[in-house]
Protein backbone atom coordinates (compact mmCIF):
# COMPACT_ATOMS: atom_id res chain seq x y z
CA TYR A 1 122.14 -61.45 85.39
CA ARG A 2 121.55 -58.32 87.94
CA ASN A 3 118.67 -60.42 89.23
CA LEU A 4 118.76 -64.05 90.88
CA GLY A 5 117.29 -67.25 89.12
CA CYS A 6 116.80 -68.92 92.33
CA SER A 7 117.54 -68.47 96.19
CA TRP A 8 117.29 -70.74 98.93
CA GLU A 9 117.76 -70.71 102.72
CA VAL A 10 119.19 -73.79 104.26
CA ASP A 11 119.32 -74.65 108.14
CA GLY A 12 122.61 -76.00 108.16
CA LEU A 13 124.96 -79.16 107.62
CA VAL A 14 126.21 -81.54 109.45
CA ALA A 15 129.77 -82.85 108.54
CA ARG A 16 129.57 -84.79 104.89
CA GLY A 17 125.93 -83.92 104.64
CA GLY A 18 124.11 -82.35 102.07
CA LYS A 19 120.77 -81.38 100.17
CA ILE A 20 119.59 -81.29 97.31
CA LEU A 21 118.10 -77.76 96.25
CA THR A 22 115.78 -77.34 93.15
CA CYS A 23 113.87 -74.64 91.99
CA THR A 24 111.77 -74.15 88.58
CA TYR A 25 113.03 -70.57 86.28
CA ASP A 26 110.77 -68.82 84.67
CA GLY A 27 112.94 -68.67 81.56
CA TYR A 28 116.33 -67.02 80.19
CA PRO A 29 115.39 -63.82 78.54
CA SER A 30 117.54 -64.14 75.22
CA TRP A 31 119.43 -67.15 73.59
CA TYR A 32 122.92 -67.86 74.21
CA ALA A 33 125.75 -69.78 72.07
CA ASN A 34 127.71 -69.96 75.36
CA ILE A 35 126.89 -68.42 78.71
CA ASN A 36 127.74 -69.79 82.58
CA THR A 37 125.53 -70.32 85.14
CA LYS A 38 126.24 -69.75 88.31
CA VAL A 39 125.55 -70.77 91.55
CA LEU A 40 127.15 -69.04 94.92
CA VAL A 41 126.64 -71.04 98.56
CA ASP A 42 126.96 -68.98 101.41
CA SER A 43 126.04 -65.98 99.59
CA GLY A 44 126.25 -63.91 102.64
CA GLY A 45 129.88 -64.99 103.99
CA VAL A 46 128.29 -66.29 107.07
CA VAL A 47 129.57 -69.67 107.72
CA ALA A 48 133.47 -69.57 108.66
CA GLU A 49 134.78 -72.32 106.38
CA SER A 50 137.88 -74.33 106.18
CA ASP A 51 137.83 -73.25 102.26
CA GLU A 52 136.20 -70.32 101.32
CA ALA A 53 137.48 -70.48 97.36
CA ASN A 54 135.13 -73.06 96.27
CA ASN A 55 131.93 -71.64 96.89
CA ILE A 56 131.34 -70.56 93.17
CA PHE A 57 130.24 -72.86 91.02
CA LEU A 58 130.21 -72.35 87.30
CA LYS A 59 128.49 -74.23 84.46
CA PRO A 60 129.06 -73.09 80.55
CA ILE A 61 125.91 -73.82 78.94
CA SER A 62 123.96 -72.69 75.97
CA VAL A 63 120.13 -71.63 75.35
CA SER A 64 118.52 -72.09 72.31
CA LYS A 65 116.22 -69.75 70.45
CA PRO A 66 112.50 -70.30 70.64
CA GLY A 67 111.55 -72.89 67.30
CA ALA A 68 115.34 -73.92 67.15
CA GLY A 69 114.45 -77.52 68.34
CA SER A 70 117.17 -79.53 69.72
CA PRO A 71 121.08 -79.28 68.50
CA GLY A 72 122.41 -82.51 67.61
CA PRO A 73 123.70 -84.47 64.25
CA VAL A 74 121.09 -84.55 61.83
CA GLY A 75 121.08 -87.63 58.80
CA PRO A 76 121.82 -91.04 58.67
CA GLY A 77 122.73 -92.65 61.94
CA SER A 78 121.47 -90.16 63.74
CA ALA A 79 118.04 -92.50 64.71
CA SER A 80 120.62 -94.67 66.69
CA GLY A 81 121.17 -91.98 69.05
CA SER A 82 123.86 -89.15 69.75
CA PRO A 83 126.85 -89.13 72.43
CA ASP A 84 126.81 -86.19 74.91
CA LEU A 85 130.08 -85.85 76.76
CA PHE A 86 130.70 -83.59 79.88
CA VAL A 87 132.65 -84.09 83.17
CA SER A 88 130.97 -85.73 85.27
CA GLU A 89 133.66 -85.07 88.83
CA PHE A 90 136.34 -83.00 89.32
CA SER A 91 139.04 -83.13 92.18
CA LEU A 92 142.15 -81.85 93.20
CA ASN A 93 144.66 -83.76 96.35
CA PRO A 94 144.71 -81.51 97.98
CA GLU A 95 141.98 -79.40 97.56
CA THR A 96 143.71 -76.25 98.02
CA PRO A 97 146.94 -76.66 96.01
CA VAL A 98 150.53 -74.98 97.72
CA GLN A 99 152.55 -73.19 94.94
CA GLY A 100 155.30 -75.52 93.68
CA SER A 101 153.77 -78.33 95.41
CA PRO A 102 152.70 -81.82 92.93
CA VAL A 103 149.34 -81.83 92.35
CA THR A 104 147.02 -85.13 91.80
CA VAL A 105 143.78 -84.41 89.35
CA ARG A 106 141.07 -86.83 89.49
CA LEU A 107 138.11 -86.01 87.07
CA GLY A 108 135.32 -88.22 85.34
CA VAL A 109 133.93 -88.07 81.95
CA TYR A 110 130.50 -89.36 81.02
CA ASN A 111 128.38 -89.90 77.76
CA GLN A 112 125.09 -88.97 78.89
CA GLY A 113 123.74 -89.36 75.18
CA THR A 114 122.15 -92.42 73.89
CA GLY A 115 124.80 -93.01 71.09
CA SER A 116 128.31 -94.23 71.45
CA SER A 117 131.33 -92.26 71.18
CA GLY A 118 134.05 -92.45 68.98
CA PRO A 119 137.41 -91.95 70.56
CA PHE A 120 138.34 -88.07 71.92
CA SER A 121 140.46 -86.27 73.88
CA VAL A 122 140.52 -84.79 77.38
CA GLN A 123 142.59 -81.68 78.56
CA TRP A 124 143.09 -80.00 81.70
CA TRP A 125 144.40 -76.35 82.10
CA PRO A 126 145.45 -75.50 85.66
CA GLY A 127 144.06 -71.76 84.94
CA GLU A 128 141.70 -71.29 82.49
CA ASN A 129 144.09 -68.29 80.75
CA TYR A 130 147.06 -70.90 80.55
CA ARG A 131 148.88 -71.31 77.89
CA ASN A 132 150.32 -74.45 78.65
CA LEU A 133 148.29 -77.78 79.55
CA GLY A 134 148.89 -79.19 83.08
CA CYS A 135 147.67 -82.79 81.70
CA SER A 136 145.54 -84.50 78.60
CA TRP A 137 144.43 -88.01 77.78
CA GLU A 138 143.44 -89.79 74.99
CA VAL A 139 140.15 -91.58 75.54
CA ASP A 140 139.31 -94.81 73.25
CA GLY A 141 135.58 -94.32 73.28
CA LEU A 142 132.32 -94.28 75.40
CA VAL A 143 129.52 -96.45 75.29
CA ALA A 144 126.07 -94.48 76.05
CA ARG A 145 125.70 -94.02 79.72
CA GLY A 146 129.33 -94.84 80.16
CA GLY A 147 132.11 -93.24 81.75
CA LYS A 148 135.81 -93.21 82.63
CA ILE A 149 137.80 -92.03 85.71
CA LEU A 150 141.12 -89.95 84.48
CA THR A 151 143.82 -88.75 86.64
CA CYS A 152 147.15 -87.10 86.49
CA THR A 153 149.98 -85.47 88.79
CA TYR A 154 150.87 -81.72 87.81
CA ASP A 155 154.01 -80.88 88.90
CA GLY A 156 152.85 -77.86 90.61
CA TYR A 157 151.24 -74.20 90.25
CA PRO A 158 154.04 -71.86 89.50
CA SER A 159 152.41 -69.13 91.47
CA TRP A 160 149.50 -68.41 94.22
CA TYR A 161 146.25 -67.31 93.98
CA ALA A 162 143.58 -66.17 95.91
CA ASN A 163 141.44 -67.14 92.75
CA ILE A 164 141.44 -68.90 89.52
CA ASN A 165 139.28 -71.18 87.32
CA THR A 166 140.48 -74.70 86.23
CA LYS A 167 139.46 -75.70 83.35
CA VAL A 168 138.84 -78.97 81.60
CA LEU A 169 137.79 -79.75 78.07
CA VAL A 170 135.71 -82.81 76.46
CA ASP A 171 136.40 -83.80 72.87
CA SER A 172 139.09 -80.85 72.64
CA GLY A 173 139.53 -81.58 69.48
CA GLY A 174 135.53 -81.29 68.37
CA VAL A 175 136.31 -84.51 66.47
CA VAL A 176 132.73 -86.28 68.50
CA ALA A 177 129.28 -84.87 66.74
CA GLU A 178 127.19 -84.66 70.19
CA SER A 179 123.91 -83.96 70.79
CA ASP A 180 124.72 -81.00 72.99
CA GLU A 181 128.09 -79.61 72.48
CA ALA A 182 127.53 -76.52 74.63
CA ASN A 183 128.64 -78.53 78.06
CA ASN A 184 132.25 -79.62 76.75
CA ILE A 185 134.01 -77.15 79.26
CA PHE A 186 134.22 -77.31 82.72
CA LEU A 187 135.51 -74.39 84.81
CA LYS A 188 136.14 -74.68 88.84
CA PRO A 189 137.12 -71.61 90.92
CA ILE A 190 140.11 -72.76 93.14
CA SER A 191 142.87 -71.09 95.32
CA VAL A 192 146.51 -72.24 95.40
CA ASN A 193 148.10 -71.20 98.91
CA HIS A 194 151.50 -69.73 99.34
CA PRO A 195 154.53 -72.14 100.13
């Protein structure tokens, strides 16, 4: 998009401090099966930070056609609620990996829906265009409003990167019928340092 949806001026933040920012957007001009919404922190590049690579946040979403109603399963059993799985948290340790060195991956999967899910798989790719997975997990299922923390250790990035998107895919086999299928992909821009 050429035009901003919202913008804020923040007076500053103390170490380990934060601020919640909200706005109301007038509305998307079109429907989208998939589109990345984007947040850019320190958009003017005025703050000297220890990690400049984590200032961009991307989240895949969908935008419904007017009158299309809410997505989700219809038919027997739908009255009991539907699951909605997504990545609730994600971190790497070290936060900025070093080429060739092990990286600990930690992520949270959460069911924000109104029904329990059956078993599903979660996959993590070191880079969104990597052919090989970094880690994968089998989750037995999640109750409504329930979550699970998943961890693994990746052997290390084969190269350094100024910028690369790391990627998590929840319900990678597409076996869980969810009220929102568009939020199963999580992308996070990171960088990987030279050794």
